[in-house]
Amino acid sequence: MAKKQKKSKKNDGKKAAEAKNLAEAASKSAVVDDMEPLEATAANDAAALEAETATEAVATPVNPVDLEDASPLGDTYHRGPVILRGQMIPSDNTTANLLKPDQDTDWLHMDPWRVLRIQSEFVDGFGALAELGPAVSIFGSARTQRTESIYKAARRMGSQIAKRNIAVITGGGPGIMEAANRGAALAGGKSVGLGIELPHEQGLNQWVNLGMSFRYFFVRKTMFIKYSSGVIVCPGGFGTLDEMFELLTLVQTHKVANIPVVLYGKEYWQGLFDWLNGPVAEHGMISTIDPKLVTVTDDADEAVDVAVSAIVR
């Protein structure tokens, strides 16, 4: 009887295990049934999102370059290191302009190209004057006539400087400039003319044996100052005053070495310095002009002596 009870318990355990297995199988089936609609929903959502994205792409085309830096200002245009957006994007570009057979040449005068012309003038100027040696610049009016005494004085100064084996630099034009170049050339010296392109100018005078014409005043003035060890300023107008005041500003602010500056013609220059030392200084606009900054003289030989005094022989 004990054996029957033991066998009955064994059968009951087996039935319980089978029931448990059936329950687990039913549970897994329910889970699978529950997941199927969720997966279908996710697939539908993904398809809808893809369709929506495709619609937006068709409605608003995007340049692949712009994907990196999309901006609310609109498309992005790259020109070297420059970034342009929206209304700032040009309708054409310099490459296209270069390749056009009959292009408008106005673009050549835009600032980026102007920088290259300026650079080329500096390079050409430095190259032309690099081996010039010691030099003195003589500034003065282009309107001075050959019969005037100041013309003869400028010619003498050019000659005296050249005889000391020092180059003479002028603006290369007529008047005082021609006189100084003439004196230097006839004395067998270096006669340099740094001209400027102007509608009313005739080009370099015939006494220049080393010359260059400039488009830009500031490049030309840089050459005057860089290669001059002394300066003589004869009577002149706005151009002469511009050259003189820029030089005095650079000397006074110690941007350049203390170049000797000589003003030739006491009567002509006296009024200017009376005004500078009077109303201008009295109103506190400048300090009283340092007498060591300039030398004023009526003696051509003295002007030369002072102008070359800084040149170490």
Protein backbone atom coordinates (compact mmCIF):
# COMPACT_ATOMS: atom_id res chain seq x y z
CA MET A 1 0.00 0.00 0.00
CA ALA A 2 2.89 2.29 0.71
CA LYS A 3 4.15 1.66 -2.81
CA LYS A 4 0.77 2.75 -4.27
CA GLN A 5 0.81 6.00 -2.28
CA LYS A 6 4.37 6.75 -3.42
CA LYS A 7 3.44 6.14 -7.07
CA SER A 8 0.36 8.36 -6.73
CA LYS A 9 2.46 11.24 -5.37
CA LYS A 10 4.90 10.83 -8.24
CA ASN A 11 2.09 11.06 -10.78
CA ASP A 12 0.67 14.13 -9.04
CA GLY A 13 4.10 15.87 -9.23
CA LYS A 14 4.40 15.06 -12.90
CA LYS A 15 0.96 16.51 -13.60
CA ALA A 16 1.83 19.67 -11.64
CA ALA A 17 5.03 20.14 -13.69
CA GLU A 18 3.12 19.71 -16.94
CA ALA A 19 0.52 22.22 -15.79
CA LYS A 20 3.29 24.70 -14.91
CA ASN A 21 4.88 24.28 -18.34
CA LEU A 22 1.56 24.87 -20.05
CA ALA A 23 0.99 28.02 -17.99
CA GLU A 24 4.45 29.42 -18.91
CA ALA A 25 3.86 28.68 -22.59
CA ALA A 26 0.51 30.46 -22.45
CA SER A 27 2.17 33.45 -20.75
CA LYS A 28 4.88 33.73 -23.43
CA SER A 29 2.25 33.55 -26.13
CA ALA A 30 0.37 36.40 -24.48
CA VAL A 31 3.53 38.53 -24.34
CA VAL A 32 4.24 37.90 -28.02
CA ASP A 33 0.65 38.74 -28.88
CA ASP A 34 0.98 41.96 -26.88
CA MET A 35 4.28 42.99 -28.60
CA GLU A 36 3.14 42.53 -32.18
CA PRO A 37 0.90 45.64 -32.26
CA LEU A 38 3.66 47.74 -30.56
CA GLU A 39 6.22 46.75 -33.19
CA ALA A 40 3.75 47.52 -35.96
CA THR A 41 3.08 50.94 -34.44
CA ALA A 42 6.83 51.71 -34.25
CA ALA A 43 7.28 50.69 -37.88
CA ASN A 44 4.38 52.89 -38.91
CA ASP A 45 5.81 55.85 -36.96
CA ALA A 46 9.24 55.42 -38.58
CA ALA A 47 7.68 55.31 -42.04
CA ALA A 48 5.65 58.43 -41.29
CA LEU A 49 8.74 60.31 -40.03
CA GLU A 50 10.72 59.32 -43.11
CA ALA A 51 7.93 60.51 -45.37
CA GLU A 52 7.68 63.81 -43.48
CA THR A 53 11.44 64.40 -43.74
CA ALA A 54 11.38 63.64 -47.45
CA THR A 55 8.54 66.13 -47.91
CA GLU A 56 10.48 68.86 -46.08
CA ALA A 57 13.60 68.16 -48.17
CA VAL A 58 11.59 68.60 -51.36
CA ALA A 59 9.95 71.78 -50.08
CA THR A 60 13.22 73.36 -48.82
CA PRO A 61 16.34 72.25 -50.77
CA VAL A 62 19.50 72.43 -48.68
CA ASN A 63 23.01 72.83 -50.07
CA PRO A 64 25.18 70.03 -48.63
CA VAL A 65 27.79 72.66 -47.70
CA ASP A 66 25.22 74.42 -45.55
CA LEU A 67 24.32 71.39 -43.44
CA GLU A 68 27.30 72.08 -41.18
CA ASP A 69 26.37 75.65 -40.39
CA ALA A 70 22.69 76.12 -41.13
CA SER A 71 21.66 79.65 -40.14
CA PRO A 72 18.34 81.42 -39.69
CA LEU A 73 19.77 84.06 -42.03
CA GLY A 74 19.60 81.65 -44.96
CA ASP A 75 22.16 79.90 -47.11
CA THR A 76 25.88 80.18 -46.36
CA TYR A 77 28.49 81.15 -48.95
CA HIS A 78 32.18 80.52 -48.28
CA ARG A 79 34.85 82.69 -49.94
CA GLY A 80 38.16 81.65 -48.44
CA PRO A 81 38.03 82.63 -44.76
CA VAL A 82 35.03 84.91 -45.40
CA ILE A 83 31.49 83.68 -44.65
CA LEU A 84 28.51 85.38 -46.29
CA ARG A 85 24.83 84.69 -45.59
CA GLY A 86 21.49 85.79 -46.89
CA GLN A 87 21.51 89.10 -48.74
CA MET A 88 25.30 89.38 -48.43
CA ILE A 89 25.86 86.47 -50.86
CA PRO A 90 27.13 87.90 -54.20
CA SER A 91 25.30 87.17 -57.41
CA ASP A 92 28.60 86.19 -59.06
CA ASN A 93 32.16 85.41 -58.02
CA THR A 94 35.70 86.40 -58.98
CA THR A 95 36.47 83.04 -60.56
CA ALA A 96 33.51 83.42 -62.88
CA ASN A 97 34.59 86.98 -63.68
CA LEU A 98 38.08 85.80 -64.58
CA LEU A 99 36.70 83.18 -66.97
CA LYS A 100 34.17 85.40 -68.72
CA PRO A 101 35.26 86.24 -72.29
CA ASP A 102 33.75 89.75 -72.24
CA GLN A 103 33.49 90.50 -68.55
CA ASP A 104 32.94 93.91 -66.94
CA THR A 105 36.30 95.02 -65.50
CA ASP A 106 34.82 97.09 -62.66
CA TRP A 107 35.49 94.20 -60.27
CA LEU A 108 39.23 94.82 -60.72
CA HIS A 109 38.82 98.01 -58.69
CA MET A 110 37.22 96.32 -55.70
CA ASP A 111 39.11 96.46 -52.40
CA PRO A 112 40.53 92.90 -52.38
CA TRP A 113 42.19 93.50 -55.75
CA ARG A 114 43.27 97.00 -54.76
CA VAL A 115 45.22 95.45 -51.88
CA LEU A 116 47.23 93.41 -54.38
CA ARG A 117 48.05 96.53 -56.41
CA ILE A 118 49.16 98.32 -53.25
CA GLN A 119 51.30 95.35 -52.29
CA SER A 120 52.87 95.26 -55.75
CA GLU A 121 53.77 98.96 -55.51
CA PHE A 122 55.53 98.40 -52.20
CA VAL A 123 57.41 95.40 -53.61
CA ASP A 124 58.44 97.29 -56.77
CA GLY A 125 59.49 100.35 -54.79
CA PHE A 126 61.55 98.41 -52.28
CA GLY A 127 63.15 96.45 -55.11
CA ALA A 128 64.05 99.57 -57.10
CA LEU A 129 65.56 101.50 -54.17
CA ALA A 130 67.03 98.73 -52.01
CA GLU A 131 70.60 99.37 -53.22
CA LEU A 132 70.33 103.14 -53.61
CA GLY A 133 72.66 104.02 -50.76
CA PRO A 134 72.52 107.25 -48.73
CA ALA A 135 70.05 109.80 -50.08
CA VAL A 136 68.46 113.18 -49.39
CA SER A 137 64.94 114.08 -50.53
CA ILE A 138 64.09 117.54 -51.83
CA PHE A 139 60.41 118.55 -51.77
CA GLY A 140 58.92 121.59 -53.49
CA SER A 141 56.39 123.02 -55.91
CA ALA A 142 55.82 121.70 -59.42
CA ARG A 143 54.81 125.23 -60.49
CA THR A 144 58.14 126.95 -59.95
CA GLN A 145 59.47 128.46 -63.18
CA ARG A 146 63.01 127.91 -64.44
CA THR A 147 63.72 131.63 -64.31
CA GLU A 148 62.98 131.92 -60.58
CA SER A 149 65.76 132.16 -58.03
CA ILE A 150 64.36 129.26 -56.02
CA TYR A 151 64.72 127.02 -59.10
CA LYS A 152 68.41 127.90 -59.31
CA ALA A 153 68.84 127.29 -55.57
CA ALA A 154 67.22 123.84 -55.83
CA ARG A 155 69.47 123.00 -58.77
CA ARG A 156 72.52 124.01 -56.73
CA MET A 157 71.41 121.91 -53.76
CA GLY A 158 70.91 118.87 -55.99
CA SER A 159 74.37 119.33 -57.45
CA GLN A 160 76.08 119.78 -54.07
CA ILE A 161 74.43 116.65 -52.66
CA ALA A 162 75.39 114.54 -55.68
CA LYS A 163 79.02 115.70 -55.48
CA ARG A 164 79.15 114.14 -51.99
CA ASN A 165 78.17 110.81 -53.55
CA ILE A 166 74.69 111.02 -52.04
CA ALA A 167 71.58 110.33 -54.10
CA VAL A 168 68.92 113.00 -54.63
CA ILE A 169 65.26 111.93 -54.42
CA THR A 170 62.39 114.11 -55.65
CA GLY A 171 58.81 113.67 -56.78
CA GLY A 172 60.10 113.48 -60.34
CA GLY A 173 57.93 116.28 -61.67
CA PRO A 174 58.64 119.79 -62.99
CA GLY A 175 59.54 122.92 -61.00
CA ILE A 176 61.64 122.43 -57.87
CA MET A 177 61.74 118.69 -58.48
CA GLU A 178 63.15 119.10 -61.96
CA ALA A 179 65.73 121.60 -60.70
CA ALA A 180 67.06 119.24 -58.01
CA ASN A 181 67.14 116.28 -60.42
CA ARG A 182 68.88 118.39 -63.02
CA GLY A 183 71.58 119.48 -60.61
CA ALA A 184 72.19 115.91 -59.45
CA ALA A 185 72.26 114.44 -62.97
CA LEU A 186 74.63 117.06 -64.36
CA ALA A 187 76.94 116.46 -61.39
CA GLY A 188 77.10 112.78 -62.35
CA GLY A 189 75.09 111.59 -59.37
CA LYS A 190 72.04 109.43 -58.74
CA SER A 191 68.94 111.40 -59.68
CA VAL A 192 65.82 109.63 -58.41
CA GLY A 193 62.25 110.55 -59.30
CA LEU A 194 59.26 109.05 -57.50
CA GLY A 195 56.31 110.20 -59.57
CA ILE A 196 52.58 110.01 -58.96
CA GLU A 197 49.87 109.19 -61.50
CA LEU A 198 47.75 112.33 -61.85
CA PRO A 199 45.58 113.55 -64.75
CA HIS A 200 47.48 116.83 -65.13
CA GLU A 201 51.03 115.52 -64.62
CA GLN A 202 53.35 115.00 -67.58
CA GLY A 203 55.27 112.08 -66.10
CA LEU A 204 58.86 112.06 -64.89
CA ASN A 205 61.16 114.90 -65.90
CA GLN A 206 64.05 114.28 -68.28
CA TRP A 207 66.72 114.56 -65.58
CA VAL A 208 65.68 111.45 -63.68
CA ASN A 209 68.04 108.48 -64.13
CA LEU A 210 66.16 106.18 -61.73
CA GLY A 211 62.43 106.64 -61.69
CA MET A 212 59.17 105.01 -60.72
CA SER A 213 55.56 106.16 -60.94
CA PHE A 214 53.10 105.37 -58.14
CA ARG A 215 49.34 105.11 -58.08
CA TYR A 216 49.06 105.71 -54.33
CA PHE A 217 50.40 108.73 -52.44
CA PHE A 218 50.97 106.84 -49.20
CA VAL A 219 53.19 104.22 -50.89
CA ARG A 220 55.19 107.00 -52.53
CA LYS A 221 55.64 108.85 -49.23
CA THR A 222 56.79 105.64 -47.58
CA MET A 223 59.59 105.42 -50.16
CA PHE A 224 60.62 109.04 -49.55
CA ILE A 225 60.86 108.53 -45.81
CA LYS A 226 62.35 105.02 -45.82
CA TYR A 227 65.24 105.85 -48.14
CA SER A 228 66.05 109.41 -47.05
CA SER A 229 68.65 110.31 -44.45
CA GLY A 230 67.73 113.99 -44.65
CA VAL A 231 65.07 116.22 -46.22
CA ILE A 232 65.08 119.72 -47.68
CA VAL A 233 61.65 121.34 -48.07
CA CYS A 234 61.43 124.20 -50.55
CA PRO A 235 58.35 126.42 -51.01
CA GLY A 236 55.37 124.45 -52.27
CA GLY A 237 51.65 123.83 -52.00
CA PHE A 238 49.38 121.14 -50.56
CA GLY A 239 51.52 118.25 -51.80
CA THR A 240 54.69 119.72 -50.29
CA LEU A 241 52.91 120.51 -47.02
CA ASP A 242 51.49 116.99 -46.88
CA GLU A 243 54.95 115.47 -47.29
CA MET A 244 56.48 117.83 -44.74
CA PHE A 245 53.83 117.41 -42.03
CA GLU A 246 53.75 113.63 -42.34
CA LEU A 247 57.52 113.54 -41.92
CA LEU A 248 57.43 115.92 -38.93
CA THR A 249 54.67 113.83 -37.32
CA LEU A 250 56.73 110.65 -37.69
CA VAL A 251 59.85 112.32 -36.31
CA GLN A 252 57.99 113.93 -33.39
CA THR A 253 56.29 110.65 -32.44
CA HIS A 254 59.57 108.71 -32.82
CA LYS A 255 58.17 106.46 -35.52
CA VAL A 256 61.30 107.16 -37.56
CA ALA A 257 64.82 108.20 -36.71
CA ASN A 258 65.44 111.88 -36.10
CA ILE A 259 65.89 112.82 -39.75
CA PRO A 260 67.28 116.35 -40.29
CA VAL A 261 64.54 118.51 -41.81
CA VAL A 262 65.51 121.80 -43.47
CA LEU A 263 63.01 124.42 -44.64
CA TYR A 264 64.52 126.58 -47.36
CA GLY A 265 63.17 130.15 -47.60
CA LYS A 266 62.69 131.99 -44.30
CA GLU A 267 60.19 134.51 -45.63
CA TYR A 268 58.00 131.80 -47.15
CA TRP A 269 57.86 129.61 -44.04
CA GLN A 270 57.76 132.29 -41.36
CA GLY A 271 54.00 132.80 -41.57
CA LEU A 272 53.33 129.09 -41.09
CA PHE A 273 55.43 128.89 -37.94
CA ASP A 274 53.99 132.12 -36.57
CA TRP A 275 50.56 130.49 -36.88
CA LEU A 276 51.69 127.17 -35.35
CA ASN A 277 53.49 128.81 -32.43
CA GLY A 278 50.69 131.36 -32.05
CA PRO A 279 47.00 130.38 -32.24
CA VAL A 280 47.56 126.63 -32.60
CA ALA A 281 49.90 126.35 -29.60
CA GLU A 282 47.96 128.93 -27.56
CA HIS A 283 44.80 126.85 -27.89
CA GLY A 284 46.69 123.83 -26.62
CA MET A 285 46.47 121.94 -29.89
CA ILE A 286 50.23 121.38 -30.08
CA SER A 287 53.28 122.08 -28.00
CA THR A 288 55.51 124.93 -29.08
CA ILE A 289 57.47 123.76 -32.11
CA ASP A 290 60.79 122.36 -31.01
CA PRO A 291 63.46 124.46 -32.77
CA LYS A 292 65.61 121.32 -33.01
CA LEU A 293 62.93 119.62 -35.10
CA VAL A 294 63.56 121.82 -38.14
CA THR A 295 66.16 124.22 -39.48
CA VAL A 296 64.99 127.26 -41.46
CA THR A 297 67.54 128.92 -43.75
CA ASP A 298 68.04 131.04 -46.86
CA ASP A 299 71.46 129.55 -47.56
CA ALA A 300 71.46 126.64 -50.05
CA ASP A 301 74.86 125.39 -48.87
CA GLU A 302 73.75 125.44 -45.22
CA ALA A 303 70.61 123.51 -46.19
CA VAL A 304 72.78 120.80 -47.76
CA ASP A 305 75.16 120.64 -44.78
CA VAL A 306 72.29 120.14 -42.33
CA ALA A 307 70.44 117.65 -44.54
CA VAL A 308 73.47 115.35 -44.90
CA SER A 309 74.61 115.71 -41.28
CA ALA A 310 73.01 112.43 -40.19
CA ILE A 311 74.78 110.38 -42.87
CA VAL A 312 77.73 108.51 -41.39
CA ARG A 313 80.60 108.44 -43.90
